Amino acid sequence: MSEIDTPALADDTVLWSSDPEDRAGRPLLVLLHGYGSDEHDLFGLRPYLPADVTVAAVRAPLTPPWPAPGYSWYPIEGLDGRDPSRGTDAARRLIEWVDTLAGDDPVGLLGFSQGAAVSMQALRLEPHRFAFAVNLSGYVAPGDLEGDAAMAERKPPVFWGRGTHDDVIPQALVEHTMQWLPAHATLSGGAYPGLTHSVSEQELADVREFLDAQLAAL
């Protein structure tokens, strides 16, 4: 039995943008939703994403305490709320799922809030496994991971977008991310004036520009 408490991701809860026979030879973009949401949420961003990628929206494996809806990647309540190790466990489950997919096509990550934090943990664990990451309203968890030195050397492309009026992510985590990311990634993005814990049209346009650049580089 795995030592990871977080359950494995379920294949039957993944939303795909194309049939299996149409995925070979195309980059894969994995979408990770936020706390209390599900795989349908970010799948709605498909019109803003490049057409020549395969999109897979995955469902987080945990159920938040009642009455919160949807699913979560790690607890944010209780004694282990925002425990970095729980986010790391979720990232390991994500990597396990990605590794079950056939082929060697490039893989990128796009997450919102909790999903963005997990995408950062996955990139830190295996910086050579993922081509790039998009961090929307998320953060980098404190603490050291085994892939941090390799990530600092490789400096993979990361887009980090956040709202100046976002009061959901603690300021200490924002400040930590502001210090950590430039030393470990080739950073794009920025803070969007007046934006709360959400995504704006301008931010999505900037994400599309970032993704187009990464696909061109691939």
Foldseek 3Di string as FASTA:
>chain_A
DDPQPFDAFDPVQKDKPDDPVPQPPAEEEEEEEAPLAFQVVCVVCVVLADPRHIYIRTGARAAADPPRHGGHQFALDDPCHVPVVSLLSSLVSVVVVVVVDDDDHAYEYEYAASSLQSSLSNCQQPVPRHQEYEYELYFHDDDDYPRQVVQLVVAHEYEYEYEPAAPPDDPVRVVVRVVRNVSRHPYDYDYDYPDYSDDDPVRSNVVNVVNVVSVVVD
